[in-house]
Amino acid sequence: MFLRLDNKFVRVFGIITSMSEKKNEVRAFGCDLFGTVISYRSVLDDICLESIKLPYNVVAKKSAKEVFEKFELFFKNGCPPQEYIQYIFDRFCQNGKHILQIFKEIPPIIDDCINSGIKVYALSNTIPPIENYAQKVSEHLGFIYPFLSSRTGDKKPHKDAFLNFAKAVNESPENILIADNNIHNVKIAKALGFQTEHFKNPSNFRFQLSKYLS
């Protein structure tokens, strides 16, 4: 292929394609907490190591290893049943025995977003026992406000969780980034016009968000 520039022909190698459309500016960021910012794995490891049995009415006669595997499956395909989450936090967080860990890669990434002028919020499904913990994590990371489903009544992946979030932060969906480890939540948000990133691991998260940073 040749291009004519100032009466000279210049050879252009490869195929020229139109520049991809520039993404809309991200002004607000709704970041999931559990499984995205916070690692739940350490708690599940403790359950297996201590061979703890869950109450009969929760997982009838299942071993700790089976419970662990079930949790892993739930987090890959959706949100675990409330009774599972309830037990985990009652057993390991409420009594101070164990605190869920923030992925070490996350705080500097959130700082970069904030320093780029992006308003960062938590947008997470929760139940009452973990509200205080979610609040503390949000404050620690510098989030403006935590939108928690147990408080707002809007649970992802229902569209109201995303649309009401957009109204609350006074931004259009196209100017809001949603990041979540649950692919179902990501797909719904994207269909509603939000910019989205599917969180897979903390090491790759900086690369995923780099294109939104100034």
C-alpha atoms as a PDB file:
ATOM      1  CA  MET A   1       0.000   0.000   0.000  1.00  0.00           C
ATOM      2  CA  PHE A   2       1.242   3.511  -0.848  1.00  0.00           C
ATOM      3  CA  LEU A   3       0.367   6.982   0.410  1.00  0.00           C
ATOM      4  CA  ARG A   4       1.082  10.175  -1.511  1.00  0.00           C
ATOM      5  CA  LEU A   5       2.717  12.868   0.633  1.00  0.00           C
ATOM      6  CA  ASP A   6       4.034  16.112  -0.947  1.00  0.00           C
ATOM      7  CA  ASN A   7       4.150  14.506  -4.392  1.00  0.00           C
ATOM      8  CA  LYS A   8       6.113  11.552  -3.059  1.00  0.00           C
ATOM      9  CA  PHE A   9       4.885   8.037  -2.650  1.00  0.00           C
ATOM     10  CA  VAL A  10       5.557   6.444   0.694  1.00  0.00           C
ATOM     11  CA  ARG A  11       5.276   2.726   1.265  1.00  0.00           C
ATOM     12  CA  VAL A  12       3.127   1.782   4.238  1.00  0.00           C
ATOM     13  CA  PHE A  13       3.582  -1.705   5.542  1.00  0.00           C
ATOM     14  CA  GLY A  14       0.660  -3.604   6.899  1.00  0.00           C
ATOM     15  CA  ILE A  15      -2.973  -2.709   6.845  1.00  0.00           C
ATOM     16  CA  ILE A  16      -4.099   0.749   7.869  1.00  0.00           C
ATOM     17  CA  THR A  17      -7.103   0.669  10.097  1.00  0.00           C
ATOM     18  CA  SER A  18      -9.116   3.496  11.530  1.00  0.00           C
ATOM     19  CA  MET A  19      -8.147   4.490  15.036  1.00  0.00           C
ATOM     20  CA  SER A  20     -10.291   2.837  17.630  1.00  0.00           C
ATOM     21  CA  GLU A  21     -12.838   5.081  19.180  1.00  0.00           C
ATOM     22  CA  LYS A  22     -11.501   6.696  22.328  1.00  0.00           C
ATOM     23  CA  LYS A  23     -13.179   5.590  25.529  1.00  0.00           C
ATOM     24  CA  ASN A  24     -15.280   8.086  27.403  1.00  0.00           C
ATOM     25  CA  GLU A  25     -13.593   9.718  30.337  1.00  0.00           C
ATOM     26  CA  VAL A  26     -13.974   7.776  33.587  1.00  0.00           C
ATOM     27  CA  ARG A  27     -15.097  10.124  36.344  1.00  0.00           C
ATOM     28  CA  ALA A  28     -16.347   7.598  38.876  1.00  0.00           C
ATOM     29  CA  PHE A  29     -15.299   4.068  39.746  1.00  0.00           C
ATOM     30  CA  GLY A  30     -17.536   1.491  41.437  1.00  0.00           C
ATOM     31  CA  CYS A  31     -15.210  -1.160  42.816  1.00  0.00           C
ATOM     32  CA  ASP A  32     -16.348  -4.493  44.200  1.00  0.00           C
ATOM     33  CA  LEU A  33     -14.906  -5.490  47.580  1.00  0.00           C
ATOM     34  CA  PHE A  34     -15.080  -9.208  48.331  1.00  0.00           C
ATOM     35  CA  GLY A  35     -13.046 -11.237  45.864  1.00  0.00           C
ATOM     36  CA  THR A  36     -11.747  -8.089  44.144  1.00  0.00           C
ATOM     37  CA  VAL A  37     -10.217  -5.870  46.817  1.00  0.00           C
ATOM     38  CA  ILE A  38     -10.413  -8.388  49.649  1.00  0.00           C
ATOM     39  CA  SER A  39      -9.076 -11.917  49.551  1.00  0.00           C
ATOM     40  CA  TYR A  40     -11.428 -14.482  51.053  1.00  0.00           C
ATOM     41  CA  ARG A  41      -9.035 -17.360  50.402  1.00  0.00           C
ATOM     42  CA  SER A  42      -7.094 -17.071  53.661  1.00  0.00           C
ATOM     43  CA  VAL A  43     -10.265 -17.570  55.669  1.00  0.00           C
ATOM     44  CA  LEU A  44     -11.187 -20.656  53.685  1.00  0.00           C
ATOM     45  CA  ASP A  45      -7.682 -22.027  54.160  1.00  0.00           C
ATOM     46  CA  ASP A  46      -8.137 -21.701  57.913  1.00  0.00           C
ATOM     47  CA  ILE A  47     -11.383 -23.631  57.741  1.00  0.00           C
ATOM     48  CA  CYS A  48      -9.662 -26.496  55.951  1.00  0.00           C
ATOM     49  CA  LEU A  49      -6.626 -26.496  58.228  1.00  0.00           C
ATOM     50  CA  GLU A  50      -8.740 -26.640  61.355  1.00  0.00           C
ATOM     51  CA  SER A  51     -11.152 -29.184  59.833  1.00  0.00           C
ATOM     52  CA  ILE A  52     -14.091 -27.158  61.015  1.00  0.00           C
ATOM     53  CA  LYS A  53     -17.543 -28.564  60.331  1.00  0.00           C
ATOM     54  CA  LEU A  54     -20.283 -26.131  59.450  1.00  0.00           C
ATOM     55  CA  PRO A  55     -23.648 -26.440  61.242  1.00  0.00           C
ATOM     56  CA  TYR A  56     -25.833 -29.278  59.992  1.00  0.00           C
ATOM     57  CA  ASN A  57     -28.540 -26.914  58.702  1.00  0.00           C
ATOM     58  CA  VAL A  58     -25.985 -25.098  56.575  1.00  0.00           C
ATOM     59  CA  VAL A  59     -24.139 -27.826  54.720  1.00  0.00           C
ATOM     60  CA  ALA A  60     -25.472 -31.114  56.117  1.00  0.00           C
ATOM     61  CA  LYS A  61     -22.584 -33.462  56.864  1.00  0.00           C
ATOM     62  CA  LYS A  62     -20.084 -31.810  54.515  1.00  0.00           C
ATOM     63  CA  SER A  63     -16.422 -31.792  55.494  1.00  0.00           C
ATOM     64  CA  ALA A  64     -14.363 -28.597  55.672  1.00  0.00           C
ATOM     65  CA  LYS A  65     -12.639 -29.560  52.413  1.00  0.00           C
ATOM     66  CA  GLU A  66     -16.004 -29.939  50.678  1.00  0.00           C
ATOM     67  CA  VAL A  67     -17.122 -26.587  52.046  1.00  0.00           C
ATOM     68  CA  PHE A  68     -13.946 -24.980  50.726  1.00  0.00           C
ATOM     69  CA  GLU A  69     -14.462 -26.454  47.265  1.00  0.00           C
ATOM     70  CA  LYS A  70     -18.092 -25.325  47.301  1.00  0.00           C
ATOM     71  CA  PHE A  71     -17.034 -21.795  48.180  1.00  0.00           C
ATOM     72  CA  GLU A  72     -14.523 -21.747  45.346  1.00  0.00           C
ATOM     73  CA  LEU A  73     -17.216 -22.846  42.915  1.00  0.00           C
ATOM     74  CA  PHE A  74     -19.673 -20.221  44.137  1.00  0.00           C
ATOM     75  CA  PHE A  75     -17.171 -17.402  43.789  1.00  0.00           C
ATOM     76  CA  LYS A  76     -16.381 -18.450  40.233  1.00  0.00           C
ATOM     77  CA  ASN A  77     -20.016 -18.560  39.197  1.00  0.00           C
ATOM     78  CA  GLY A  78     -21.813 -16.106  41.440  1.00  0.00           C
ATOM     79  CA  CYS A  79     -22.391 -15.116  45.029  1.00  0.00           C
ATOM     80  CA  PRO A  80     -22.354 -17.773  47.785  1.00  0.00           C
ATOM     81  CA  PRO A  81     -25.605 -18.346  49.698  1.00  0.00           C
ATOM     82  CA  GLN A  82     -26.038 -15.973  52.609  1.00  0.00           C
ATOM     83  CA  GLU A  83     -25.745 -18.730  55.224  1.00  0.00           C
ATOM     84  CA  TYR A  84     -22.230 -19.563  54.022  1.00  0.00           C
ATOM     85  CA  ILE A  85     -21.110 -15.949  54.270  1.00  0.00           C
ATOM     86  CA  GLN A  86     -22.863 -15.567  57.614  1.00  0.00           C
ATOM     87  CA  TYR A  87     -20.988 -18.512  59.082  1.00  0.00           C
ATOM     88  CA  ILE A  88     -17.595 -17.415  57.773  1.00  0.00           C
ATOM     89  CA  PHE A  89     -17.852 -13.961  59.289  1.00  0.00           C
ATOM     90  CA  ASP A  90     -19.371 -15.138  62.552  1.00  0.00           C
ATOM     91  CA  ARG A  91     -16.606 -17.699  62.959  1.00  0.00           C
ATOM     92  CA  PHE A  92     -13.577 -15.734  61.818  1.00  0.00           C
ATOM     93  CA  CYS A  93     -14.261 -12.012  61.803  1.00  0.00           C
ATOM     94  CA  GLN A  94     -16.773 -11.107  64.460  1.00  0.00           C
ATOM     95  CA  ASN A  95     -14.705 -12.586  67.283  1.00  0.00           C
ATOM     96  CA  GLY A  96     -11.459 -11.066  66.041  1.00  0.00           C
ATOM     97  CA  LYS A  97      -9.820 -14.418  65.363  1.00  0.00           C
ATOM     98  CA  HIS A  98      -9.181 -13.655  61.742  1.00  0.00           C
ATOM     99  CA  ILE A  99      -9.382 -10.583  59.557  1.00  0.00           C
ATOM    100  CA  LEU A 100      -9.847 -10.922  55.836  1.00  0.00           C
ATOM    101  CA  GLN A 101      -6.877  -9.599  53.931  1.00  0.00           C
ATOM    102  CA  ILE A 102      -6.736  -6.814  51.366  1.00  0.00           C
ATOM    103  CA  PHE A 103      -4.733  -7.884  48.329  1.00  0.00           C
ATOM    104  CA  LYS A 104      -1.385  -6.092  48.757  1.00  0.00           C
ATOM    105  CA  GLU A 105      -1.435  -4.906  45.138  1.00  0.00           C
ATOM    106  CA  ILE A 106      -4.727  -3.043  45.544  1.00  0.00           C
ATOM    107  CA  PRO A 107      -3.971   0.043  47.737  1.00  0.00           C
ATOM    108  CA  PRO A 108      -1.431   1.637  45.323  1.00  0.00           C
ATOM    109  CA  ILE A 109      -3.779   0.996  42.397  1.00  0.00           C
ATOM    110  CA  ILE A 110      -6.631   2.759  44.193  1.00  0.00           C
ATOM    111  CA  ASP A 111      -4.264   5.605  45.070  1.00  0.00           C
ATOM    112  CA  ASP A 112      -3.413   5.988  41.377  1.00  0.00           C
ATOM    113  CA  CYS A 113      -7.103   6.207  40.512  1.00  0.00           C
ATOM    114  CA  ILE A 114      -7.721   8.846  43.168  1.00  0.00           C
ATOM    115  CA  ASN A 115      -4.643  10.848  42.095  1.00  0.00           C
ATOM    116  CA  SER A 116      -5.964  10.782  38.529  1.00  0.00           C
ATOM    117  CA  GLY A 117      -9.093  12.568  39.688  1.00  0.00           C
ATOM    118  CA  ILE A 118     -11.388   9.548  39.587  1.00  0.00           C
ATOM    119  CA  LYS A 119     -14.005   9.378  42.335  1.00  0.00           C
ATOM    120  CA  VAL A 120     -13.719   5.895  43.813  1.00  0.00           C
ATOM    121  CA  TYR A 121     -16.550   4.121  45.629  1.00  0.00           C
ATOM    122  CA  ALA A 122     -17.160   0.631  46.919  1.00  0.00           C
ATOM    123  CA  LEU A 123     -20.027  -1.166  45.181  1.00  0.00           C
ATOM    124  CA  SER A 124     -20.429  -4.510  46.870  1.00  0.00           C
ATOM    125  CA  ASN A 125     -22.946  -7.163  47.866  1.00  0.00           C
ATOM    126  CA  THR A 126     -22.987  -7.547  51.642  1.00  0.00           C
ATOM    127  CA  ILE A 127     -25.036  -8.872  54.530  1.00  0.00           C
ATOM    128  CA  PRO A 128     -25.405  -7.038  57.891  1.00  0.00           C
ATOM    129  CA  PRO A 129     -22.634  -8.940  59.760  1.00  0.00           C
ATOM    130  CA  ILE A 130     -19.976  -7.738  57.327  1.00  0.00           C
ATOM    131  CA  GLU A 131     -21.124  -4.127  56.873  1.00  0.00           C
ATOM    132  CA  ASN A 132     -18.752  -2.716  59.481  1.00  0.00           C
ATOM    133  CA  TYR A 133     -15.814  -4.586  58.024  1.00  0.00           C
ATOM    134  CA  ALA A 134     -16.670  -3.384  54.520  1.00  0.00           C
ATOM    135  CA  GLN A 135     -16.981   0.169  55.843  1.00  0.00           C
ATOM    136  CA  LYS A 136     -13.526  -0.002  57.463  1.00  0.00           C
ATOM    137  CA  VAL A 137     -11.914  -1.367  54.310  1.00  0.00           C
ATOM    138  CA  SER A 138     -13.518   1.411  52.254  1.00  0.00           C
ATOM    139  CA  GLU A 139     -12.255   4.079  54.630  1.00  0.00           C
ATOM    140  CA  HIS A 140      -8.780   2.537  54.732  1.00  0.00           C
ATOM    141  CA  LEU A 141      -8.507   2.640  50.937  1.00  0.00           C
ATOM    142  CA  GLY A 142      -9.832   6.194  50.658  1.00  0.00           C
ATOM    143  CA  PHE A 143     -13.124   5.347  48.976  1.00  0.00           C
ATOM    144  CA  ILE A 144     -15.572   8.241  49.061  1.00  0.00           C
ATOM    145  CA  TYR A 145     -18.477   6.069  50.160  1.00  0.00           C
ATOM    146  CA  PRO A 146     -19.343   2.361  50.328  1.00  0.00           C
ATOM    147  CA  PHE A 147     -22.515   1.369  48.481  1.00  0.00           C
ATOM    148  CA  LEU A 148     -23.358  -1.881  50.257  1.00  0.00           C
ATOM    149  CA  SER A 149     -26.340  -3.967  49.169  1.00  0.00           C
ATOM    150  CA  SER A 150     -27.445  -4.722  52.722  1.00  0.00           C
ATOM    151  CA  ARG A 151     -27.871  -0.977  53.226  1.00  0.00           C
ATOM    152  CA  THR A 152     -29.094   0.175  49.828  1.00  0.00           C
ATOM    153  CA  GLY A 153     -31.341  -2.813  49.092  1.00  0.00           C
ATOM    154  CA  ASP A 154     -29.848  -3.038  45.591  1.00  0.00           C
ATOM    155  CA  LYS A 155     -27.985  -6.288  45.009  1.00  0.00           C
ATOM    156  CA  LYS A 156     -25.799  -6.994  41.992  1.00  0.00           C
ATOM    157  CA  PRO A 157     -26.339  -8.188  39.325  1.00  0.00           C
ATOM    158  CA  HIS A 158     -29.787  -6.540  39.356  1.00  0.00           C
ATOM    159  CA  LYS A 159     -29.722  -3.501  37.093  1.00  0.00           C
ATOM    160  CA  ASP A 160     -30.955  -1.211  39.879  1.00  0.00           C
ATOM    161  CA  ALA A 161     -27.702  -1.770  41.774  1.00  0.00           C
ATOM    162  CA  PHE A 162     -25.812  -0.133  38.909  1.00  0.00           C
ATOM    163  CA  LEU A 163     -28.343   2.464  37.776  1.00  0.00           C
ATOM    164  CA  ASN A 164     -29.044   3.720  41.295  1.00  0.00           C
ATOM    165  CA  PHE A 165     -25.305   3.889  41.893  1.00  0.00           C
ATOM    166  CA  ALA A 166     -24.953   6.103  38.822  1.00  0.00           C
ATOM    167  CA  LYS A 167     -27.725   8.380  40.083  1.00  0.00           C
ATOM    168  CA  ALA A 168     -26.185   8.584  43.542  1.00  0.00           C
ATOM    169  CA  VAL A 169     -22.769   9.650  42.231  1.00  0.00           C
ATOM    170  CA  ASN A 170     -24.381  11.956  39.667  1.00  0.00           C
ATOM    171  CA  GLU A 171     -22.573  10.533  36.644  1.00  0.00           C
ATOM    172  CA  SER A 172     -23.704   8.904  33.405  1.00  0.00           C
ATOM    173  CA  PRO A 173     -23.012   5.176  33.007  1.00  0.00           C
ATOM    174  CA  GLU A 174     -20.593   5.840  30.139  1.00  0.00           C
ATOM    175  CA  ASN A 175     -18.429   7.864  32.537  1.00  0.00           C
ATOM    176  CA  ILE A 176     -18.423   5.202  35.247  1.00  0.00           C
ATOM    177  CA  LEU A 177     -16.093   2.222  35.509  1.00  0.00           C
ATOM    178  CA  ILE A 178     -17.352  -0.952  37.193  1.00  0.00           C
ATOM    179  CA  ALA A 179     -14.813  -3.566  38.291  1.00  0.00           C
ATOM    180  CA  ASP A 180     -15.932  -6.896  39.686  1.00  0.00           C
ATOM    181  CA  ASN A 181     -14.660 -10.455  40.006  1.00  0.00           C
ATOM    182  CA  ASN A 182     -18.120 -11.807  39.190  1.00  0.00           C
ATOM    183  CA  ILE A 183     -18.514 -12.010  35.419  1.00  0.00           C
ATOM    184  CA  HIS A 184     -22.324 -11.899  35.691  1.00  0.00           C
ATOM    185  CA  ASN A 185     -22.135  -8.481  37.351  1.00  0.00           C
ATOM    186  CA  VAL A 186     -19.700  -7.281  34.694  1.00  0.00           C
ATOM    187  CA  LYS A 187     -21.933  -8.391  31.822  1.00  0.00           C
ATOM    188  CA  ILE A 188     -25.025  -6.667  33.243  1.00  0.00           C
ATOM    189  CA  ALA A 189     -23.128  -3.424  33.891  1.00  0.00           C
ATOM    190  CA  LYS A 190     -21.690  -3.451  30.380  1.00  0.00           C
ATOM    191  CA  ALA A 191     -25.130  -4.027  28.856  1.00  0.00           C
ATOM    192  CA  LEU A 192     -26.356  -0.956  30.759  1.00  0.00           C
ATOM    193  CA  GLY A 193     -23.672   1.228  29.188  1.00  0.00           C
ATOM    194  CA  PHE A 194     -21.043   1.251  31.929  1.00  0.00           C
ATOM    195  CA  GLN A 195     -17.361   0.804  31.254  1.00  0.00           C
ATOM    196  CA  THR A 196     -16.306  -2.486  32.810  1.00  0.00           C
ATOM    197  CA  GLU A 197     -13.336  -4.577  33.853  1.00  0.00           C
ATOM    198  CA  HIS A 198     -13.529  -8.195  34.956  1.00  0.00           C
ATOM    199  CA  PHE A 199     -11.144  -8.643  37.884  1.00  0.00           C
ATOM    200  CA  LYS A 200      -9.278 -11.940  37.637  1.00  0.00           C
ATOM    201  CA  ASN A 201      -6.209 -11.448  39.791  1.00  0.00           C
ATOM    202  CA  PRO A 202      -4.579  -8.530  41.653  1.00  0.00           C
ATOM    203  CA  SER A 203      -1.335  -8.723  39.669  1.00  0.00           C
ATOM    204  CA  ASN A 204      -3.112  -7.921  36.405  1.00  0.00           C
ATOM    205  CA  PHE A 205      -5.469  -5.316  37.862  1.00  0.00           C
ATOM    206  CA  ARG A 206      -3.057  -2.395  37.456  1.00  0.00           C
ATOM    207  CA  PHE A 207      -2.676  -3.162  33.753  1.00  0.00           C
ATOM    208  CA  GLN A 208      -6.454  -3.392  33.369  1.00  0.00           C
ATOM    209  CA  LEU A 209      -6.985   0.022  34.973  1.00  0.00           C
ATOM    210  CA  SER A 210      -3.977   1.790  33.423  1.00  0.00           C
ATOM    211  CA  LYS A 211      -5.902   2.876  30.344  1.00  0.00           C
ATOM    212  CA  TYR A 212      -8.316   4.883  32.491  1.00  0.00           C
ATOM    213  CA  LEU A 213      -5.616   6.793  34.364  1.00  0.00           C
ATOM    214  CA  SER A 214      -4.311  10.188  33.282  1.00  0.00           C
END
